[in-house]
Amino acid sequence: MDDTMSNEEFWEARYAEHDHVWSGKPNAILVKEIAGLEPGTALDLGCGEGADAIWLAERGWRVTAADISRNALQRAARHAEEAGVADRVDWQRHDLAASFPEGAYDLVTAMFLHTPAEGMPREAVLRSAAAAVAPGGVLFVAGHAGPPPWDPGAHPHVHLPTAEEVLKSLDLADGEWEVLHIGEHERVQTAPDGRSMTRTDNALKIRRPA
């Protein structure tokens, strides 16, 4: 990427390069950790092409899904129509450095909210995400634990925090949240050259007391 590109320009260009940037399937760790929750209202931050939001909607959640890219949101809305859940997802465009969806939610997710572009204050965004969790609700954050194994030198200036670092950065009051899951996990990902490689990610799942 060009160092002068904004976060918005980077992601619009990224989505313009391919018809499908992501797999179209929901994140496996989201499915594992969220499947047992009672459906309610959900906020999906950095929703991309909409696979997670659509999966939630198919299971009864009413979802607000936000992304910086118009290309991604248009694609996601089309996928929701095809899946028959268009009436259960509100697609909103937000540069999370400048605006944030309104409301309180039973579930707030931030899946791989990383960007190589400047100007995305991830820690502040995640604190806003925690503030948007309704009493009794859950915050679920997943991220990469390191660069892709096929390109270990990728984006060296991007800090990839541990789940423990994410929890500390949320600056939560002592004893007011319950930690339901914290730690690393592995998954198999297909490299650009077609090889299947193991990648390590991390996840944090916490609940605000009712």
N, C-alpha and C. Protein backbone atom coordinates (compact mmCIF):
# COMPACT_ATOMS: atom_id res chain seq x y z
N MET A 1 0.84 -1.19 0.00
CA MET A 1 0.00 0.00 0.00
C MET A 1 0.87 1.24 0.00
N ASP A 2 0.34 2.34 -0.52
CA ASP A 2 1.00 3.64 -0.51
C ASP A 2 0.89 4.23 0.90
N ASP A 3 2.00 4.75 1.44
CA ASP A 3 1.99 5.31 2.78
C ASP A 3 1.05 6.49 2.94
N THR A 4 0.67 7.11 1.81
CA THR A 4 -0.22 8.26 1.88
C THR A 4 -1.69 7.87 1.88
N MET A 5 -2.00 6.60 1.69
CA MET A 5 -3.39 6.16 1.63
C MET A 5 -4.05 6.26 2.99
N SER A 6 -5.29 6.71 2.99
CA SER A 6 -6.08 6.72 4.22
C SER A 6 -6.64 5.33 4.47
N ASN A 7 -7.16 5.13 5.66
CA ASN A 7 -7.79 3.85 5.99
C ASN A 7 -8.93 3.54 5.01
N GLU A 8 -9.76 4.54 4.73
CA GLU A 8 -10.87 4.35 3.79
C GLU A 8 -10.36 3.99 2.40
N GLU A 9 -9.37 4.72 1.92
CA GLU A 9 -8.84 4.46 0.58
C GLU A 9 -8.25 3.06 0.48
N PHE A 10 -7.55 2.64 1.54
CA PHE A 10 -6.95 1.31 1.53
C PHE A 10 -8.02 0.23 1.38
N TRP A 11 -9.09 0.31 2.19
CA TRP A 11 -10.09 -0.75 2.18
C TRP A 11 -10.97 -0.70 0.94
N GLU A 12 -11.27 0.49 0.44
CA GLU A 12 -12.03 0.57 -0.81
C GLU A 12 -11.23 -0.08 -1.94
N ALA A 13 -9.93 0.19 -1.98
CA ALA A 13 -9.08 -0.40 -3.01
C ALA A 13 -8.99 -1.91 -2.83
N ARG A 14 -8.89 -2.35 -1.58
CA ARG A 14 -8.78 -3.79 -1.31
C ARG A 14 -10.02 -4.53 -1.80
N TYR A 15 -11.19 -4.00 -1.51
CA TYR A 15 -12.41 -4.67 -1.93
C TYR A 15 -12.66 -4.55 -3.43
N ALA A 16 -12.11 -3.50 -4.05
CA ALA A 16 -12.27 -3.33 -5.49
C ALA A 16 -11.42 -4.31 -6.30
N GLU A 17 -10.40 -4.87 -5.65
CA GLU A 17 -9.47 -5.76 -6.36
C GLU A 17 -10.09 -7.10 -6.71
N HIS A 18 -11.03 -7.59 -5.87
CA HIS A 18 -11.57 -8.93 -6.04
C HIS A 18 -13.07 -8.93 -5.78
N ASP A 19 -13.77 -9.86 -6.41
CA ASP A 19 -15.20 -10.02 -6.15
C ASP A 19 -15.45 -10.55 -4.75
N HIS A 20 -14.54 -11.38 -4.24
CA HIS A 20 -14.64 -11.94 -2.90
C HIS A 20 -13.27 -11.82 -2.23
N VAL A 21 -13.17 -10.98 -1.22
CA VAL A 21 -11.92 -10.85 -0.49
C VAL A 21 -11.82 -11.94 0.58
N TRP A 22 -12.96 -12.25 1.21
CA TRP A 22 -12.99 -13.25 2.28
C TRP A 22 -13.71 -14.51 1.80
N SER A 23 -13.77 -15.52 2.65
CA SER A 23 -14.28 -16.83 2.24
C SER A 23 -15.78 -16.88 2.07
N GLY A 24 -16.51 -15.94 2.69
CA GLY A 24 -17.97 -16.01 2.67
C GLY A 24 -18.53 -16.84 3.81
N LYS A 25 -17.66 -17.44 4.61
CA LYS A 25 -18.09 -18.23 5.75
C LYS A 25 -17.86 -17.44 7.04
N PRO A 26 -18.69 -17.66 8.06
CA PRO A 26 -18.46 -16.96 9.33
C PRO A 26 -17.17 -17.43 9.97
N ASN A 27 -16.56 -16.57 10.77
CA ASN A 27 -15.34 -16.95 11.47
C ASN A 27 -15.61 -18.12 12.41
N ALA A 28 -14.77 -19.15 12.33
CA ALA A 28 -15.00 -20.36 13.11
C ALA A 28 -15.00 -20.10 14.61
N ILE A 29 -14.14 -19.20 15.07
CA ILE A 29 -14.08 -18.93 16.51
C ILE A 29 -15.35 -18.20 16.96
N LEU A 30 -15.93 -17.39 16.10
CA LEU A 30 -17.20 -16.74 16.43
C LEU A 30 -18.29 -17.80 16.56
N VAL A 31 -18.37 -18.70 15.61
CA VAL A 31 -19.37 -19.76 15.65
C VAL A 31 -19.24 -20.57 16.94
N LYS A 32 -18.01 -20.92 17.28
CA LYS A 32 -17.77 -21.73 18.47
C LYS A 32 -18.19 -21.02 19.75
N GLU A 33 -17.85 -19.74 19.87
CA GLU A 33 -18.05 -19.03 21.13
C GLU A 33 -19.42 -18.37 21.26
N ILE A 34 -20.10 -18.13 20.15
CA ILE A 34 -21.35 -17.36 20.20
C ILE A 34 -22.59 -18.23 19.95
N ALA A 35 -22.41 -19.41 19.39
CA ALA A 35 -23.55 -20.25 19.00
C ALA A 35 -24.50 -20.52 20.16
N GLY A 36 -23.98 -20.60 21.38
CA GLY A 36 -24.84 -20.94 22.51
C GLY A 36 -25.54 -19.77 23.15
N LEU A 37 -25.31 -18.56 22.70
CA LEU A 37 -25.95 -17.39 23.30
C LEU A 37 -27.39 -17.23 22.82
N GLU A 38 -28.22 -16.72 23.70
CA GLU A 38 -29.60 -16.42 23.34
C GLU A 38 -29.61 -15.22 22.38
N PRO A 39 -30.25 -15.36 21.21
CA PRO A 39 -30.24 -14.24 20.25
C PRO A 39 -30.90 -12.99 20.82
N GLY A 40 -30.33 -11.86 20.44
CA GLY A 40 -30.87 -10.56 20.81
C GLY A 40 -30.42 -9.55 19.79
N THR A 41 -29.89 -8.44 20.25
CA THR A 41 -29.34 -7.43 19.34
C THR A 41 -27.83 -7.56 19.30
N ALA A 42 -27.26 -7.39 18.11
CA ALA A 42 -25.81 -7.54 17.94
C ALA A 42 -25.25 -6.40 17.12
N LEU A 43 -24.00 -6.04 17.43
CA LEU A 43 -23.25 -5.05 16.66
C LEU A 43 -21.99 -5.72 16.15
N ASP A 44 -21.80 -5.72 14.83
CA ASP A 44 -20.63 -6.33 14.18
C ASP A 44 -19.76 -5.19 13.64
N LEU A 45 -18.62 -4.97 14.27
CA LEU A 45 -17.72 -3.89 13.89
C LEU A 45 -16.70 -4.40 12.88
N GLY A 46 -16.55 -3.69 11.76
CA GLY A 46 -15.66 -4.14 10.70
C GLY A 46 -16.23 -5.38 10.03
N CYS A 47 -17.47 -5.28 9.60
CA CYS A 47 -18.23 -6.45 9.12
C CYS A 47 -17.76 -6.98 7.77
N GLY A 48 -17.00 -6.19 7.02
CA GLY A 48 -16.51 -6.66 5.73
C GLY A 48 -17.64 -7.05 4.79
N GLU A 49 -17.54 -8.22 4.20
CA GLU A 49 -18.54 -8.69 3.23
C GLU A 49 -19.74 -9.35 3.88
N GLY A 50 -19.79 -9.32 5.23
CA GLY A 50 -21.02 -9.64 5.93
C GLY A 50 -21.24 -11.06 6.39
N ALA A 51 -20.26 -11.95 6.28
CA ALA A 51 -20.51 -13.36 6.61
C ALA A 51 -20.91 -13.55 8.07
N ASP A 52 -20.22 -12.87 8.99
CA ASP A 52 -20.56 -13.03 10.41
C ASP A 52 -21.94 -12.45 10.71
N ALA A 53 -22.23 -11.27 10.19
CA ALA A 53 -23.52 -10.63 10.43
C ALA A 53 -24.66 -11.49 9.88
N ILE A 54 -24.47 -12.06 8.72
CA ILE A 54 -25.50 -12.91 8.11
C ILE A 54 -25.69 -14.18 8.93
N TRP A 55 -24.60 -14.76 9.39
CA TRP A 55 -24.70 -15.96 10.23
C TRP A 55 -25.49 -15.66 11.50
N LEU A 56 -25.21 -14.52 12.12
CA LEU A 56 -25.96 -14.14 13.32
C LEU A 56 -27.44 -13.93 12.99
N ALA A 57 -27.71 -13.24 11.90
CA ALA A 57 -29.10 -12.97 11.52
C ALA A 57 -29.86 -14.26 11.24
N GLU A 58 -29.20 -15.21 10.64
CA GLU A 58 -29.84 -16.50 10.36
C GLU A 58 -30.21 -17.24 11.64
N ARG A 59 -29.58 -16.89 12.73
CA ARG A 59 -29.84 -17.54 14.02
C ARG A 59 -30.69 -16.68 14.93
N GLY A 60 -31.32 -15.67 14.38
CA GLY A 60 -32.31 -14.91 15.12
C GLY A 60 -31.86 -13.58 15.69
N TRP A 61 -30.59 -13.24 15.51
CA TRP A 61 -30.12 -11.95 16.00
C TRP A 61 -30.60 -10.83 15.08
N ARG A 62 -30.83 -9.66 15.67
CA ARG A 62 -31.04 -8.44 14.89
C ARG A 62 -29.72 -7.68 14.92
N VAL A 63 -29.12 -7.50 13.76
CA VAL A 63 -27.72 -7.10 13.67
C VAL A 63 -27.56 -5.70 13.08
N THR A 64 -26.74 -4.90 13.72
CA THR A 64 -26.21 -3.67 13.13
C THR A 64 -24.77 -3.99 12.72
N ALA A 65 -24.48 -3.82 11.44
CA ALA A 65 -23.17 -4.20 10.91
C ALA A 65 -22.50 -2.97 10.31
N ALA A 66 -21.30 -2.67 10.76
CA ALA A 66 -20.61 -1.44 10.36
C ALA A 66 -19.29 -1.74 9.68
N ASP A 67 -18.98 -0.96 8.65
CA ASP A 67 -17.69 -1.06 7.98
C ASP A 67 -17.36 0.28 7.35
N ILE A 68 -16.07 0.49 7.09
CA ILE A 68 -15.62 1.74 6.48
C ILE A 68 -15.80 1.74 4.97
N SER A 69 -15.89 0.55 4.37
CA SER A 69 -15.89 0.42 2.92
C SER A 69 -17.30 0.33 2.32
N ARG A 70 -17.62 1.24 1.44
CA ARG A 70 -18.90 1.16 0.73
C ARG A 70 -18.96 -0.09 -0.14
N ASN A 71 -17.84 -0.42 -0.77
CA ASN A 71 -17.79 -1.63 -1.59
C ASN A 71 -18.17 -2.85 -0.76
N ALA A 72 -17.59 -2.97 0.41
CA ALA A 72 -17.88 -4.11 1.27
C ALA A 72 -19.34 -4.13 1.70
N LEU A 73 -19.87 -2.99 2.10
CA LEU A 73 -21.25 -2.94 2.57
C LEU A 73 -22.25 -3.26 1.47
N GLN A 74 -21.99 -2.79 0.26
CA GLN A 74 -22.88 -3.12 -0.86
C GLN A 74 -22.86 -4.61 -1.13
N ARG A 75 -21.69 -5.20 -1.07
CA ARG A 75 -21.55 -6.64 -1.29
C ARG A 75 -22.25 -7.41 -0.17
N ALA A 76 -22.07 -6.96 1.06
CA ALA A 76 -22.68 -7.62 2.21
C ALA A 76 -24.21 -7.57 2.12
N ALA A 77 -24.75 -6.41 1.75
CA ALA A 77 -26.20 -6.28 1.64
C ALA A 77 -26.75 -7.23 0.58
N ARG A 78 -26.02 -7.38 -0.51
CA ARG A 78 -26.45 -8.32 -1.56
C ARG A 78 -26.44 -9.76 -1.03
N HIS A 79 -25.42 -10.10 -0.28
CA HIS A 79 -25.34 -11.45 0.29
C HIS A 79 -26.48 -11.69 1.28
N ALA A 80 -26.83 -10.67 2.05
CA ALA A 80 -27.94 -10.81 2.99
C ALA A 80 -29.26 -11.03 2.27
N GLU A 81 -29.45 -10.33 1.16
CA GLU A 81 -30.65 -10.54 0.34
C GLU A 81 -30.70 -11.99 -0.14
N GLU A 82 -29.57 -12.48 -0.63
CA GLU A 82 -29.51 -13.85 -1.13
C GLU A 82 -29.78 -14.87 -0.04
N ALA A 83 -29.38 -14.53 1.19
CA ALA A 83 -29.57 -15.45 2.31
C ALA A 83 -30.96 -15.32 2.95
N GLY A 84 -31.73 -14.33 2.52
CA GLY A 84 -33.08 -14.15 3.04
C GLY A 84 -33.15 -13.48 4.40
N VAL A 85 -32.11 -12.73 4.78
CA VAL A 85 -32.10 -12.08 6.10
C VAL A 85 -31.90 -10.57 6.00
N ALA A 86 -32.21 -10.00 4.84
CA ALA A 86 -31.97 -8.57 4.63
C ALA A 86 -32.71 -7.72 5.66
N ASP A 87 -33.87 -8.19 6.12
CA ASP A 87 -34.66 -7.42 7.07
C ASP A 87 -34.13 -7.51 8.49
N ARG A 88 -33.11 -8.32 8.72
CA ARG A 88 -32.57 -8.51 10.06
C ARG A 88 -31.21 -7.85 10.25
N VAL A 89 -30.70 -7.20 9.19
CA VAL A 89 -29.38 -6.57 9.29
C VAL A 89 -29.47 -5.11 8.83
N ASP A 90 -28.96 -4.22 9.66
CA ASP A 90 -28.86 -2.80 9.33
C ASP A 90 -27.40 -2.51 9.00
N TRP A 91 -27.11 -2.30 7.72
CA TRP A 91 -25.74 -2.04 7.28
C TRP A 91 -25.45 -0.56 7.41
N GLN A 92 -24.39 -0.21 8.13
CA GLN A 92 -24.05 1.21 8.36
C GLN A 92 -22.59 1.45 8.00
N ARG A 93 -22.34 2.55 7.31
CA ARG A 93 -20.96 2.91 7.01
C ARG A 93 -20.42 3.80 8.11
N HIS A 94 -19.31 3.38 8.71
CA HIS A 94 -18.64 4.15 9.76
C HIS A 94 -17.14 4.04 9.59
N ASP A 95 -16.46 5.17 9.62
CA ASP A 95 -15.03 5.21 9.89
C ASP A 95 -14.96 5.25 11.41
N LEU A 96 -14.60 4.14 12.03
CA LEU A 96 -14.69 4.04 13.49
C LEU A 96 -13.76 5.00 14.21
N ALA A 97 -12.83 5.59 13.47
CA ALA A 97 -12.00 6.64 14.07
C ALA A 97 -12.77 7.94 14.24
N ALA A 98 -13.90 8.05 13.52
CA ALA A 98 -14.64 9.31 13.52
C ALA A 98 -16.08 9.17 14.00
N SER A 99 -16.68 7.99 13.83
CA SER A 99 -18.08 7.80 14.23
C SER A 99 -18.28 6.37 14.69
N PHE A 100 -19.35 6.16 15.47
CA PHE A 100 -19.60 4.84 16.04
C PHE A 100 -21.11 4.62 16.05
N PRO A 101 -21.56 3.41 15.75
CA PRO A 101 -23.02 3.15 15.76
C PRO A 101 -23.64 3.46 17.12
N GLU A 102 -24.84 3.97 17.09
CA GLU A 102 -25.55 4.31 18.32
C GLU A 102 -26.20 3.07 18.93
N GLY A 103 -26.50 3.15 20.22
CA GLY A 103 -27.28 2.12 20.86
C GLY A 103 -26.47 1.21 21.77
N ALA A 104 -27.20 0.33 22.47
CA ALA A 104 -26.61 -0.69 23.33
C ALA A 104 -27.05 -2.06 22.79
N TYR A 105 -26.17 -3.05 22.91
CA TYR A 105 -26.37 -4.33 22.24
C TYR A 105 -26.10 -5.49 23.19
N ASP A 106 -26.80 -6.59 22.94
CA ASP A 106 -26.58 -7.80 23.73
C ASP A 106 -25.27 -8.49 23.35
N LEU A 107 -24.79 -8.22 22.16
CA LEU A 107 -23.52 -8.77 21.69
C LEU A 107 -22.82 -7.73 20.83
N VAL A 108 -21.56 -7.49 21.12
CA VAL A 108 -20.73 -6.64 20.26
C VAL A 108 -19.51 -7.45 19.86
N THR A 109 -19.27 -7.54 18.54
CA THR A 109 -18.12 -8.29 18.04
C THR A 109 -17.18 -7.37 17.27
N ALA A 110 -15.91 -7.65 17.41
CA ALA A 110 -14.87 -6.96 16.64
C ALA A 110 -13.91 -8.05 16.17
N MET A 111 -14.09 -8.49 14.93
CA MET A 111 -13.34 -9.63 14.41
C MET A 111 -12.21 -9.14 13.51
N PHE A 112 -10.98 -9.34 13.95
CA PHE A 112 -9.80 -9.01 13.15
C PHE A 112 -9.83 -7.54 12.70
N LEU A 113 -10.03 -6.69 13.69
CA LEU A 113 -10.12 -5.26 13.42
C LEU A 113 -8.71 -4.67 13.36
N HIS A 114 -7.97 -5.13 12.35
CA HIS A 114 -6.61 -4.66 12.10
C HIS A 114 -6.59 -3.91 10.77
N THR A 115 -5.69 -2.97 10.65
CA THR A 115 -5.51 -2.29 9.37
C THR A 115 -4.07 -1.79 9.26
N PRO A 116 -3.44 -1.92 8.08
CA PRO A 116 -2.09 -1.39 7.91
C PRO A 116 -2.07 0.11 7.69
N ALA A 117 -3.23 0.69 7.44
CA ALA A 117 -3.29 2.13 7.20
C ALA A 117 -3.27 2.90 8.52
N GLU A 118 -2.85 4.15 8.44
CA GLU A 118 -2.80 5.00 9.63
C GLU A 118 -4.19 5.50 9.98
N GLY A 119 -4.36 5.89 11.24
CA GLY A 119 -5.56 6.63 11.62
C GLY A 119 -6.68 5.80 12.20
N MET A 120 -6.45 4.52 12.54
CA MET A 120 -7.50 3.73 13.15
C MET A 120 -7.09 3.43 14.60
N PRO A 121 -7.65 4.17 15.57
CA PRO A 121 -7.25 4.00 16.98
C PRO A 121 -7.93 2.77 17.57
N ARG A 122 -7.34 1.61 17.37
CA ARG A 122 -7.99 0.34 17.71
C ARG A 122 -8.38 0.26 19.18
N GLU A 123 -7.49 0.66 20.07
CA GLU A 123 -7.80 0.56 21.49
C GLU A 123 -9.00 1.43 21.85
N ALA A 124 -9.06 2.63 21.33
CA ALA A 124 -10.20 3.51 21.61
C ALA A 124 -11.48 2.94 21.03
N VAL A 125 -11.40 2.36 19.84
CA VAL A 125 -12.58 1.75 19.23
C VAL A 125 -13.08 0.59 20.09
N LEU A 126 -12.17 -0.23 20.59
CA LEU A 126 -12.59 -1.36 21.42
C LEU A 126 -13.17 -0.90 22.75
N ARG A 127 -12.68 0.21 23.28
CA ARG A 127 -13.30 0.76 24.50
C ARG A 127 -14.73 1.24 24.19
N SER A 128 -14.92 1.82 23.03
CA SER A 128 -16.28 2.20 22.62
C SER A 128 -17.15 0.97 22.44
N ALA A 129 -16.55 -0.11 21.93
CA ALA A 129 -17.28 -1.37 21.77
C ALA A 129 -17.75 -1.89 23.12
N ALA A 130 -16.86 -1.85 24.12
CA ALA A 130 -17.24 -2.31 25.45
C ALA A 130 -18.36 -1.44 26.03
N ALA A 131 -18.28 -0.14 25.80
CA ALA A 131 -19.31 0.78 26.30
C ALA A 131 -20.66 0.52 25.65
N ALA A 132 -20.67 -0.08 24.47
CA ALA A 132 -21.91 -0.34 23.74
C ALA A 132 -22.58 -1.65 24.14
N VAL A 133 -21.96 -2.41 25.04
CA VAL A 133 -22.54 -3.67 25.49
C VAL A 133 -23.61 -3.40 26.55
N ALA A 134 -24.80 -3.93 26.34
CA ALA A 134 -25.89 -3.75 27.29
C ALA A 134 -25.65 -4.60 28.54
N PRO A 135 -26.28 -4.27 29.67
CA PRO A 135 -26.16 -5.12 30.86
C PRO A 135 -26.52 -6.57 30.54
N GLY A 136 -25.67 -7.48 30.97
CA GLY A 136 -25.86 -8.89 30.68
C GLY A 136 -25.33 -9.32 29.33
N GLY A 137 -24.83 -8.36 28.55
CA GLY A 137 -24.36 -8.65 27.19
C GLY A 137 -22.90 -9.05 27.14
N VAL A 138 -22.46 -9.40 25.94
CA VAL A 138 -21.13 -9.97 25.72
C VAL A 138 -20.36 -9.14 24.70
N LEU A 139 -19.07 -8.94 24.98
CA LEU A 139 -18.12 -8.38 24.01
C LEU A 139 -17.20 -9.51 23.56
N PHE A 140 -17.06 -9.65 22.25
CA PHE A 140 -16.19 -10.69 21.70
C PHE A 140 -15.23 -10.06 20.71
N VAL A 141 -13.94 -10.17 21.00
CA VAL A 141 -12.88 -9.58 20.17
C VAL A 141 -11.94 -10.68 19.72
N ALA A 142 -11.69 -10.78 18.43
CA ALA A 142 -10.72 -11.74 17.90
C ALA A 142 -9.70 -11.00 17.06
N GLY A 143 -8.46 -11.48 17.09
CA GLY A 143 -7.41 -10.83 16.32
C GLY A 143 -6.31 -11.81 15.97
N HIS A 144 -5.44 -11.39 15.08
CA HIS A 144 -4.29 -12.20 14.72
C HIS A 144 -3.23 -12.09 15.81
N ALA A 145 -2.59 -13.22 16.12
CA ALA A 145 -1.51 -13.22 17.10
C ALA A 145 -0.16 -12.94 16.46
N GLY A 146 -0.09 -12.96 15.15
CA GLY A 146 1.15 -12.70 14.42
C GLY A 146 0.87 -12.56 12.94
N PRO A 147 1.89 -12.25 12.15
CA PRO A 147 1.70 -12.09 10.71
C PRO A 147 1.37 -13.43 10.05
N PRO A 148 0.91 -13.41 8.82
CA PRO A 148 0.61 -14.68 8.14
C PRO A 148 1.87 -15.51 7.97
N PRO A 149 1.80 -16.82 8.15
CA PRO A 149 3.00 -17.65 8.08
C PRO A 149 3.67 -17.64 6.71
N TRP A 150 2.91 -17.32 5.66
CA TRP A 150 3.51 -17.26 4.33
C TRP A 150 4.20 -15.93 4.05
N ASP A 151 4.04 -14.95 4.97
CA ASP A 151 4.68 -13.64 4.80
C ASP A 151 5.00 -13.08 6.18
N PRO A 152 5.98 -13.65 6.87
CA PRO A 152 6.25 -13.26 8.26
C PRO A 152 6.69 -11.82 8.44
N GLY A 153 7.09 -11.15 7.36
CA GLY A 153 7.50 -9.76 7.47
C GLY A 153 6.41 -8.77 7.12
N ALA A 154 5.18 -9.24 6.94
CA ALA A 154 4.09 -8.36 6.51
C ALA A 154 3.74 -7.33 7.58
N HIS A 155 3.58 -6.09 7.15
CA HIS A 155 3.11 -4.98 7.99
C HIS A 155 3.82 -4.95 9.35
N PRO A 156 5.12 -4.77 9.36
CA PRO A 156 5.87 -4.83 10.63
C PRO A 156 5.49 -3.72 11.60
N HIS A 157 4.90 -2.64 11.12
CA HIS A 157 4.55 -1.53 12.01
C HIS A 157 3.19 -1.73 12.67
N VAL A 158 2.45 -2.78 12.31
CA VAL A 158 1.13 -3.02 12.89
C VAL A 158 1.29 -3.88 14.15
N HIS A 159 0.88 -3.36 15.29
CA HIS A 159 0.97 -4.12 16.54
C HIS A 159 -0.21 -5.08 16.64
N LEU A 160 0.08 -6.35 16.88
CA LEU A 160 -0.95 -7.37 17.04
C LEU A 160 -0.96 -7.79 18.51
N PRO A 161 -1.86 -7.24 19.31
CA PRO A 161 -1.83 -7.48 20.75
C PRO A 161 -2.32 -8.87 21.12
N THR A 162 -1.86 -9.35 22.26
CA THR A 162 -2.39 -10.59 22.82
C THR A 162 -3.80 -10.32 23.37
N ALA A 163 -4.52 -11.39 23.66
CA ALA A 163 -5.84 -11.23 24.26
C ALA A 163 -5.73 -10.55 25.62
N GLU A 164 -4.66 -10.85 26.35
CA GLU A 164 -4.45 -10.22 27.66
C GLU A 164 -4.20 -8.72 27.50
N GLU A 165 -3.46 -8.34 26.46
CA GLU A 165 -3.23 -6.92 26.20
C GLU A 165 -4.52 -6.22 25.81
N VAL A 166 -5.36 -6.90 25.03
CA VAL A 166 -6.66 -6.32 24.67
C VAL A 166 -7.50 -6.08 25.92
N LEU A 167 -7.56 -7.07 26.79
CA LEU A 167 -8.34 -6.93 28.02
C LEU A 167 -7.83 -5.76 28.85
N LYS A 168 -6.52 -5.65 29.01
CA LYS A 168 -5.95 -4.55 29.79
C LYS A 168 -6.26 -3.20 29.15
N SER A 169 -6.19 -3.13 27.81
CA SER A 169 -6.41 -1.85 27.11
C SER A 169 -7.85 -1.38 27.22
N LEU A 170 -8.79 -2.28 27.52
CA LEU A 170 -10.19 -1.88 27.65
C LEU A 170 -10.41 -1.01 28.88
N ASP A 171 -9.48 -1.08 29.84
CA ASP A 171 -9.52 -0.23 31.03
C ASP A 171 -10.86 -0.40 31.77
N LEU A 172 -11.26 -1.64 32.00
CA LEU A 172 -12.53 -1.93 32.65
C LEU A 172 -12.38 -1.82 34.17
N ALA A 173 -13.45 -1.44 34.81
CA ALA A 173 -13.45 -1.36 36.27
C ALA A 173 -13.29 -2.76 36.85
N ASP A 174 -12.52 -2.87 37.92
CA ASP A 174 -12.25 -4.16 38.54
C ASP A 174 -13.55 -4.83 39.00
N GLY A 175 -13.69 -6.10 38.64
CA GLY A 175 -14.81 -6.89 39.11
C GLY A 175 -16.12 -6.65 38.42
N GLU A 176 -16.16 -5.78 37.43
CA GLU A 176 -17.43 -5.45 36.79
C GLU A 176 -17.71 -6.27 35.54
N TRP A 177 -16.72 -7.02 35.06
CA TRP A 177 -16.93 -7.86 33.88
C TRP A 177 -16.46 -9.27 34.20
N GLU A 178 -17.11 -10.24 33.59
CA GLU A 178 -16.74 -11.65 33.74
C GLU A 178 -15.99 -12.10 32.49
N VAL A 179 -14.79 -12.63 32.66
CA VAL A 179 -14.03 -13.16 31.53
C VAL A 179 -14.51 -14.59 31.26
N LEU A 180 -15.07 -14.79 30.07
CA LEU A 180 -15.61 -16.09 29.67
C LEU A 180 -14.62 -16.91 28.86
N HIS A 181 -13.76 -16.21 28.12
CA HIS A 181 -12.77 -16.90 27.28
C HIS A 181 -11.64 -15.91 27.00
N ILE A 182 -10.41 -16.40 27.12
CA ILE A 182 -9.26 -15.58 26.77
C ILE A 182 -8.11 -16.50 26.37
N GLY A 183 -7.46 -16.20 25.26
CA GLY A 183 -6.31 -17.02 24.87
C GLY A 183 -6.16 -17.17 23.37
N GLU A 184 -5.19 -18.00 22.99
CA GLU A 184 -4.87 -18.23 21.59
C GLU A 184 -5.53 -19.50 21.07
N HIS A 185 -5.68 -19.57 19.76
CA HIS A 185 -6.18 -20.76 19.09
C HIS A 185 -5.58 -20.81 17.69
N GLU A 186 -5.53 -21.98 17.13
CA GLU A 186 -4.97 -22.17 15.79
C GLU A 186 -6.08 -22.49 14.80
N ARG A 187 -5.85 -22.11 13.55
CA ARG A 187 -6.77 -22.46 12.47
C ARG A 187 -5.96 -22.64 11.20
N VAL A 188 -6.52 -23.37 10.27
CA VAL A 188 -5.87 -23.59 8.98
C VAL A 188 -6.38 -22.55 8.00
N GLN A 189 -5.45 -21.88 7.32
CA GLN A 189 -5.79 -20.85 6.36
C GLN A 189 -5.07 -21.14 5.05
N THR A 190 -5.73 -20.83 3.95
CA THR A 190 -5.14 -21.06 2.64
C THR A 190 -4.28 -19.87 2.24
N ALA A 191 -3.02 -20.13 1.94
CA ALA A 191 -2.09 -19.09 1.51
C ALA A 191 -2.40 -18.68 0.07
N PRO A 192 -1.90 -17.51 -0.35
CA PRO A 192 -2.15 -17.06 -1.73
C PRO A 192 -1.71 -18.07 -2.79
N ASP A 193 -0.71 -18.89 -2.48
CA ASP A 193 -0.25 -19.87 -3.46
C ASP A 193 -1.00 -21.19 -3.37
N GLY A 194 -2.03 -21.23 -2.53
CA GLY A 194 -2.85 -22.42 -2.43
C GLY A 194 -2.49 -23.38 -1.32
N ARG A 195 -1.37 -23.16 -0.65
CA ARG A 195 -0.98 -24.05 0.43
C ARG A 195 -1.88 -23.85 1.66
N SER A 196 -2.13 -24.92 2.39
CA SER A 196 -2.83 -24.83 3.66
C SER A 196 -1.80 -24.65 4.76
N MET A 197 -1.95 -23.59 5.54
CA MET A 197 -0.98 -23.27 6.58
C MET A 197 -1.71 -22.97 7.88
N THR A 198 -1.05 -23.23 8.99
CA THR A 198 -1.64 -23.01 10.31
C THR A 198 -1.32 -21.59 10.78
N ARG A 199 -2.36 -20.89 11.21
CA ARG A 199 -2.19 -19.53 11.71
C ARG A 199 -2.71 -19.45 13.14
N THR A 200 -2.03 -18.67 13.96
CA THR A 200 -2.43 -18.49 15.35
C THR A 200 -3.15 -17.16 15.52
N ASP A 201 -4.33 -17.23 16.12
CA ASP A 201 -5.13 -16.05 16.43
C ASP A 201 -5.37 -16.01 17.94
N ASN A 202 -6.01 -14.96 18.39
CA ASN A 202 -6.42 -14.93 19.80
C ASN A 202 -7.83 -14.36 19.91
N ALA A 203 -8.44 -14.60 21.06
CA ALA A 203 -9.82 -14.15 21.25
C ALA A 203 -10.07 -13.82 22.70
N LEU A 204 -10.96 -12.86 22.90
CA LEU A 204 -11.39 -12.43 24.23
C LEU A 204 -12.91 -12.35 24.24
N LYS A 205 -13.52 -13.00 25.21
CA LYS A 205 -14.98 -12.99 25.36
C LYS A 205 -15.28 -12.62 26.80
N ILE A 206 -15.96 -11.50 27.00
CA ILE A 206 -16.28 -11.03 28.34
C ILE A 206 -17.75 -10.63 28.43
N ARG A 207 -18.31 -10.75 29.64
CA ARG A 207 -19.72 -10.40 29.84
C ARG A 207 -19.85 -9.28 30.86
N ARG A 208 -20.71 -8.31 30.52
CA ARG A 208 -21.05 -7.25 31.47
C ARG A 208 -22.16 -7.77 32.39
N PRO A 209 -22.03 -7.58 33.68
CA PRO A 209 -23.07 -8.05 34.60
C PRO A 209 -24.43 -7.44 34.27
N ALA A 210 -25.48 -8.21 34.49
CA ALA A 210 -26.85 -7.73 34.25
C ALA A 210 -27.23 -6.67 35.30
